[in-house]
């Protein structure tokens, strides 16, 4: 199966003014709702940008899905572009990897 090209702009390494703990808490909060976890899982499975199909796989109203997407975007876990009625979203694998590393560090501190 051929992977589709990503439509989202590449992530820019924006300087963060938060500590590692603050970033970790923000990412945890973004994943603190089952619908957001489901959205992230869907995007990871697709391994490409998804345009307008997220609402179709969620048992939620479009406005509710939009709110969850907004929270995931704000956390940095997903990237997205809104172009009129068309919206494209994909996982920011760098942020997901950083979150993974933070969880590993937390487990190592036992």
N, C-alpha and C. Protein backbone atom coordinates (compact mmCIF):
# COMPACT_ATOMS: atom_id res chain seq x y z
N UNK A 1 0.84 -1.17 0.00
CA UNK A 1 0.00 0.00 0.00
C UNK A 1 0.89 1.24 0.00
N UNK A 2 0.61 2.16 -0.89
CA UNK A 2 1.40 3.38 -1.01
C UNK A 2 0.94 4.41 0.01
N UNK A 3 1.88 5.01 0.70
CA UNK A 3 1.55 6.03 1.70
C UNK A 3 1.27 7.33 0.99
N UNK A 4 0.23 8.01 1.44
CA UNK A 4 -0.12 9.30 0.90
C UNK A 4 0.81 10.36 1.47
N UNK A 5 1.11 11.33 0.66
CA UNK A 5 1.96 12.43 1.09
C UNK A 5 1.24 13.27 2.14
N UNK A 6 1.98 13.80 3.09
CA UNK A 6 1.38 14.64 4.12
C UNK A 6 1.03 16.00 3.54
N UNK A 7 -0.18 16.47 3.90
CA UNK A 7 -0.62 17.77 3.41
C UNK A 7 -0.38 18.86 4.44
N UNK A 8 -0.10 18.47 5.66
CA UNK A 8 0.13 19.47 6.71
C UNK A 8 1.52 20.06 6.55
N UNK A 9 1.68 21.32 6.90
CA UNK A 9 3.01 21.92 6.81
C UNK A 9 3.94 21.25 7.80
N UNK A 10 5.23 21.17 7.48
CA UNK A 10 6.16 20.55 8.42
C UNK A 10 6.19 21.33 9.73
N UNK A 11 6.39 20.59 10.80
CA UNK A 11 6.43 21.21 12.13
C UNK A 11 7.62 22.14 12.22
N UNK A 12 7.37 23.31 12.76
CA UNK A 12 8.46 24.26 12.99
C UNK A 12 8.90 24.11 14.43
N UNK A 13 10.18 24.10 14.64
CA UNK A 13 10.71 23.96 16.00
C UNK A 13 10.53 25.28 16.73
N UNK A 14 9.34 25.48 17.24
CA UNK A 14 9.05 26.71 17.97
C UNK A 14 9.64 26.62 19.37
N UNK A 15 10.28 27.68 19.82
CA UNK A 15 10.82 27.64 21.17
C UNK A 15 9.68 27.54 22.17
N UNK A 16 9.84 26.65 23.13
CA UNK A 16 8.81 26.47 24.15
C UNK A 16 9.26 27.18 25.42
N UNK A 17 8.31 27.88 26.01
CA UNK A 17 8.59 28.59 27.26
C UNK A 17 8.20 27.77 28.47
N UNK A 18 7.88 26.51 28.25
CA UNK A 18 7.44 25.68 29.36
C UNK A 18 8.53 24.71 29.75
N UNK A 19 8.48 24.28 30.99
CA UNK A 19 9.42 23.27 31.45
C UNK A 19 8.98 21.92 30.90
N UNK A 20 9.83 20.95 31.03
CA UNK A 20 9.49 19.60 30.60
C UNK A 20 8.26 19.08 31.31
N UNK A 21 8.13 19.40 32.61
CA UNK A 21 6.97 18.96 33.37
C UNK A 21 5.69 19.62 32.87
N UNK A 22 5.76 20.89 32.52
CA UNK A 22 4.58 21.59 32.01
C UNK A 22 4.16 21.02 30.67
N UNK A 23 5.13 20.75 29.81
CA UNK A 23 4.81 20.17 28.50
C UNK A 23 4.21 18.77 28.68
N UNK A 24 4.79 17.98 29.57
CA UNK A 24 4.28 16.64 29.84
C UNK A 24 2.84 16.72 30.34
N UNK A 25 2.55 17.63 31.25
CA UNK A 25 1.20 17.79 31.78
C UNK A 25 0.23 18.23 30.68
N UNK A 26 0.66 19.11 29.80
CA UNK A 26 -0.18 19.57 28.70
C UNK A 26 -0.53 18.41 27.77
N UNK A 27 0.47 17.58 27.46
CA UNK A 27 0.23 16.43 26.59
C UNK A 27 -0.69 15.42 27.27
N UNK A 28 -0.49 15.20 28.57
CA UNK A 28 -1.35 14.27 29.31
C UNK A 28 -2.79 14.78 29.32
N UNK A 29 -2.93 16.08 29.53
CA UNK A 29 -4.28 16.66 29.55
C UNK A 29 -4.94 16.51 28.19
N UNK A 30 -4.19 16.70 27.13
CA UNK A 30 -4.75 16.54 25.78
C UNK A 30 -5.21 15.11 25.54
N UNK A 31 -4.54 14.16 26.17
CA UNK A 31 -4.91 12.75 26.02
C UNK A 31 -5.86 12.29 27.11
N UNK A 32 -6.36 13.22 27.90
CA UNK A 32 -7.20 12.90 29.04
C UNK A 32 -8.65 12.66 28.71
N UNK A 33 -8.99 12.51 27.45
CA UNK A 33 -10.37 12.21 27.07
C UNK A 33 -10.35 11.08 26.05
N UNK A 34 -11.19 10.07 26.24
CA UNK A 34 -11.18 8.91 25.33
C UNK A 34 -11.37 9.27 23.86
N UNK A 35 -12.15 10.30 23.57
CA UNK A 35 -12.36 10.70 22.17
C UNK A 35 -11.06 11.21 21.55
N UNK A 36 -10.27 11.95 22.33
CA UNK A 36 -9.01 12.46 21.79
C UNK A 36 -8.01 11.33 21.58
N UNK A 37 -8.03 10.36 22.48
CA UNK A 37 -7.16 9.19 22.30
C UNK A 37 -7.58 8.45 21.03
N UNK A 38 -8.89 8.31 20.82
CA UNK A 38 -9.39 7.62 19.63
C UNK A 38 -9.00 8.38 18.35
N UNK A 39 -9.09 9.69 18.38
CA UNK A 39 -8.70 10.49 17.21
C UNK A 39 -7.21 10.28 16.92
N UNK A 40 -6.39 10.36 17.96
CA UNK A 40 -4.95 10.17 17.77
C UNK A 40 -4.64 8.77 17.24
N UNK A 41 -5.30 7.75 17.79
CA UNK A 41 -5.10 6.38 17.31
C UNK A 41 -5.48 6.26 15.84
N UNK A 42 -6.57 6.88 15.46
CA UNK A 42 -7.01 6.84 14.06
C UNK A 42 -5.97 7.48 13.14
N UNK A 43 -5.47 8.64 13.54
CA UNK A 43 -4.46 9.33 12.72
C UNK A 43 -3.17 8.52 12.63
N UNK A 44 -2.78 7.87 13.73
CA UNK A 44 -1.57 7.03 13.72
C UNK A 44 -1.78 5.85 12.78
N UNK A 45 -2.95 5.20 12.86
CA UNK A 45 -3.24 4.06 11.97
C UNK A 45 -3.20 4.47 10.50
N UNK A 46 -3.75 5.64 10.20
CA UNK A 46 -3.80 6.11 8.81
C UNK A 46 -2.40 6.45 8.29
N UNK A 47 -1.51 6.89 9.17
CA UNK A 47 -0.14 7.26 8.84
C UNK A 47 -0.06 8.21 7.65
N UNK A 48 -0.98 9.14 7.60
CA UNK A 48 -1.00 10.17 6.56
C UNK A 48 -1.96 11.25 7.03
N UNK A 49 -2.00 12.33 6.31
CA UNK A 49 -2.96 13.37 6.66
C UNK A 49 -4.36 12.89 6.32
N UNK A 50 -5.27 13.19 7.20
CA UNK A 50 -6.66 12.81 7.01
C UNK A 50 -7.46 14.08 6.82
N UNK A 51 -8.17 14.15 5.71
CA UNK A 51 -8.96 15.34 5.39
C UNK A 51 -10.45 15.03 5.48
N UNK A 52 -11.09 15.59 6.47
CA UNK A 52 -12.53 15.50 6.59
C UNK A 52 -13.12 14.14 6.91
N UNK A 53 -12.33 13.14 7.22
CA UNK A 53 -12.85 11.80 7.48
C UNK A 53 -12.95 11.49 8.97
N UNK A 54 -12.45 12.33 9.80
CA UNK A 54 -12.40 12.04 11.23
C UNK A 54 -13.80 11.99 11.83
N UNK A 55 -14.66 12.90 11.44
CA UNK A 55 -16.02 12.93 11.97
C UNK A 55 -16.75 11.65 11.61
N UNK A 56 -16.46 11.09 10.44
CA UNK A 56 -17.14 9.88 9.98
C UNK A 56 -16.82 8.66 10.83
N UNK A 57 -15.66 8.63 11.50
CA UNK A 57 -15.28 7.47 12.30
C UNK A 57 -15.54 7.67 13.80
N UNK A 58 -16.07 8.81 14.15
CA UNK A 58 -16.34 9.13 15.56
C UNK A 58 -17.84 9.15 15.81
N UNK A 59 -18.28 8.61 16.93
CA UNK A 59 -19.71 8.64 17.25
C UNK A 59 -20.12 9.95 17.94
N UNK A 60 -19.58 11.05 17.44
CA UNK A 60 -19.81 12.36 18.07
C UNK A 60 -20.22 13.37 17.01
N UNK A 61 -20.84 14.44 17.45
CA UNK A 61 -21.22 15.52 16.55
C UNK A 61 -19.97 16.19 16.00
N UNK A 62 -20.10 16.78 14.83
CA UNK A 62 -18.97 17.44 14.17
C UNK A 62 -18.39 18.53 15.05
N UNK A 63 -19.23 19.29 15.74
CA UNK A 63 -18.73 20.37 16.59
C UNK A 63 -17.92 19.83 17.77
N UNK A 64 -18.33 18.69 18.30
CA UNK A 64 -17.59 18.07 19.41
C UNK A 64 -16.24 17.57 18.94
N UNK A 65 -16.22 16.92 17.77
CA UNK A 65 -14.96 16.45 17.21
C UNK A 65 -14.04 17.63 16.94
N UNK A 66 -14.58 18.72 16.45
CA UNK A 66 -13.78 19.92 16.18
C UNK A 66 -13.13 20.44 17.46
N UNK A 67 -13.86 20.43 18.57
CA UNK A 67 -13.31 20.87 19.85
C UNK A 67 -12.16 19.97 20.29
N UNK A 68 -12.33 18.66 20.13
CA UNK A 68 -11.26 17.72 20.49
C UNK A 68 -10.03 17.93 19.60
N UNK A 69 -10.25 18.14 18.32
CA UNK A 69 -9.14 18.40 17.39
C UNK A 69 -8.41 19.67 17.78
N UNK A 70 -9.15 20.68 18.19
CA UNK A 70 -8.54 21.95 18.60
C UNK A 70 -7.61 21.74 19.79
N UNK A 71 -8.04 20.94 20.76
CA UNK A 71 -7.22 20.66 21.95
C UNK A 71 -5.97 19.88 21.56
N UNK A 72 -6.12 18.89 20.69
CA UNK A 72 -4.96 18.11 20.23
C UNK A 72 -3.98 18.99 19.45
N UNK A 73 -4.50 19.90 18.64
CA UNK A 73 -3.63 20.82 17.89
C UNK A 73 -2.89 21.75 18.84
N UNK A 74 -3.60 22.30 19.82
CA UNK A 74 -2.98 23.21 20.77
C UNK A 74 -1.86 22.54 21.56
N UNK A 75 -2.03 21.25 21.84
CA UNK A 75 -1.00 20.52 22.59
C UNK A 75 0.22 20.23 21.72
N UNK A 76 0.03 20.26 20.41
CA UNK A 76 1.12 19.95 19.50
C UNK A 76 1.13 18.51 19.02
N UNK A 77 0.23 17.67 19.55
CA UNK A 77 0.22 16.26 19.15
C UNK A 77 -0.20 16.06 17.70
N UNK A 78 -1.04 16.95 17.20
CA UNK A 78 -1.40 16.87 15.78
C UNK A 78 -1.17 18.21 15.13
N UNK A 79 -0.97 18.15 13.83
CA UNK A 79 -0.86 19.34 13.01
C UNK A 79 -2.12 19.39 12.18
N UNK A 80 -2.51 20.56 11.79
CA UNK A 80 -3.69 20.64 10.95
C UNK A 80 -3.75 21.92 10.19
N UNK A 81 -4.46 21.84 9.08
CA UNK A 81 -4.68 22.99 8.23
C UNK A 81 -6.16 23.07 7.94
N UNK A 82 -6.73 24.23 8.15
CA UNK A 82 -8.14 24.43 7.84
C UNK A 82 -8.19 25.34 6.63
N UNK A 83 -8.82 24.86 5.57
CA UNK A 83 -8.94 25.63 4.32
C UNK A 83 -10.40 25.63 3.94
N UNK A 84 -11.16 26.60 4.47
CA UNK A 84 -12.60 26.64 4.23
C UNK A 84 -13.25 25.41 4.84
N UNK A 85 -14.07 24.71 4.05
CA UNK A 85 -14.74 23.53 4.60
C UNK A 85 -13.82 22.31 4.70
N UNK A 86 -12.63 22.40 4.14
CA UNK A 86 -11.71 21.27 4.13
C UNK A 86 -10.69 21.42 5.26
N UNK A 87 -10.56 20.39 6.08
CA UNK A 87 -9.57 20.39 7.16
C UNK A 87 -8.74 19.12 7.05
N UNK A 88 -7.43 19.27 7.18
CA UNK A 88 -6.53 18.13 7.12
C UNK A 88 -5.76 18.05 8.44
N UNK A 89 -5.61 16.83 8.95
CA UNK A 89 -4.90 16.63 10.20
C UNK A 89 -3.96 15.45 10.10
N UNK A 90 -2.84 15.55 10.79
CA UNK A 90 -1.90 14.44 10.88
C UNK A 90 -1.14 14.54 12.21
N UNK A 91 -0.58 13.42 12.62
CA UNK A 91 0.15 13.35 13.88
C UNK A 91 1.50 14.02 13.73
N UNK A 92 1.89 14.79 14.72
CA UNK A 92 3.25 15.33 14.76
C UNK A 92 4.10 14.29 15.47
N UNK A 93 4.80 13.48 14.69
CA UNK A 93 5.54 12.36 15.25
C UNK A 93 6.67 12.80 16.17
N UNK A 94 7.19 14.00 15.97
CA UNK A 94 8.24 14.50 16.87
C UNK A 94 7.69 14.74 18.26
N UNK A 95 6.50 15.31 18.35
CA UNK A 95 5.88 15.56 19.65
C UNK A 95 5.48 14.23 20.28
N UNK A 96 4.95 13.31 19.50
CA UNK A 96 4.57 12.00 20.02
C UNK A 96 5.79 11.26 20.56
N UNK A 97 6.92 11.36 19.87
CA UNK A 97 8.16 10.73 20.33
C UNK A 97 8.64 11.37 21.62
N UNK A 98 8.54 12.71 21.70
CA UNK A 98 8.94 13.41 22.92
C UNK A 98 8.07 12.97 24.10
N UNK A 99 6.77 12.80 23.86
CA UNK A 99 5.87 12.33 24.91
C UNK A 99 6.26 10.92 25.34
N UNK A 100 6.58 10.08 24.39
CA UNK A 100 7.03 8.70 24.68
C UNK A 100 8.27 8.74 25.56
N UNK A 101 9.21 9.58 25.21
CA UNK A 101 10.45 9.70 25.98
C UNK A 101 10.17 10.20 27.40
N UNK A 102 9.21 11.12 27.54
CA UNK A 102 8.86 11.64 28.86
C UNK A 102 8.27 10.53 29.73
N UNK A 103 7.43 9.68 29.14
CA UNK A 103 6.84 8.57 29.89
C UNK A 103 7.94 7.60 30.31
N UNK A 104 8.86 7.30 29.40
CA UNK A 104 9.98 6.41 29.74
C UNK A 104 10.81 6.99 30.88
N UNK A 105 11.09 8.27 30.84
CA UNK A 105 11.86 8.93 31.90
C UNK A 105 11.13 8.83 33.22
N UNK A 106 9.82 9.01 33.18
CA UNK A 106 9.02 8.91 34.39
C UNK A 106 9.11 7.51 34.97
N UNK A 107 9.07 6.50 34.14
CA UNK A 107 9.16 5.11 34.61
C UNK A 107 10.54 4.78 35.16
N UNK A 108 11.56 5.40 34.58
CA UNK A 108 12.93 5.15 35.04
C UNK A 108 13.21 5.77 36.39
N UNK A 109 12.40 6.74 36.80
CA UNK A 109 12.63 7.45 38.06
C UNK A 109 12.09 6.69 39.26
N UNK A 110 11.62 5.49 39.06
CA UNK A 110 11.07 4.70 40.18
C UNK A 110 12.17 4.23 41.09
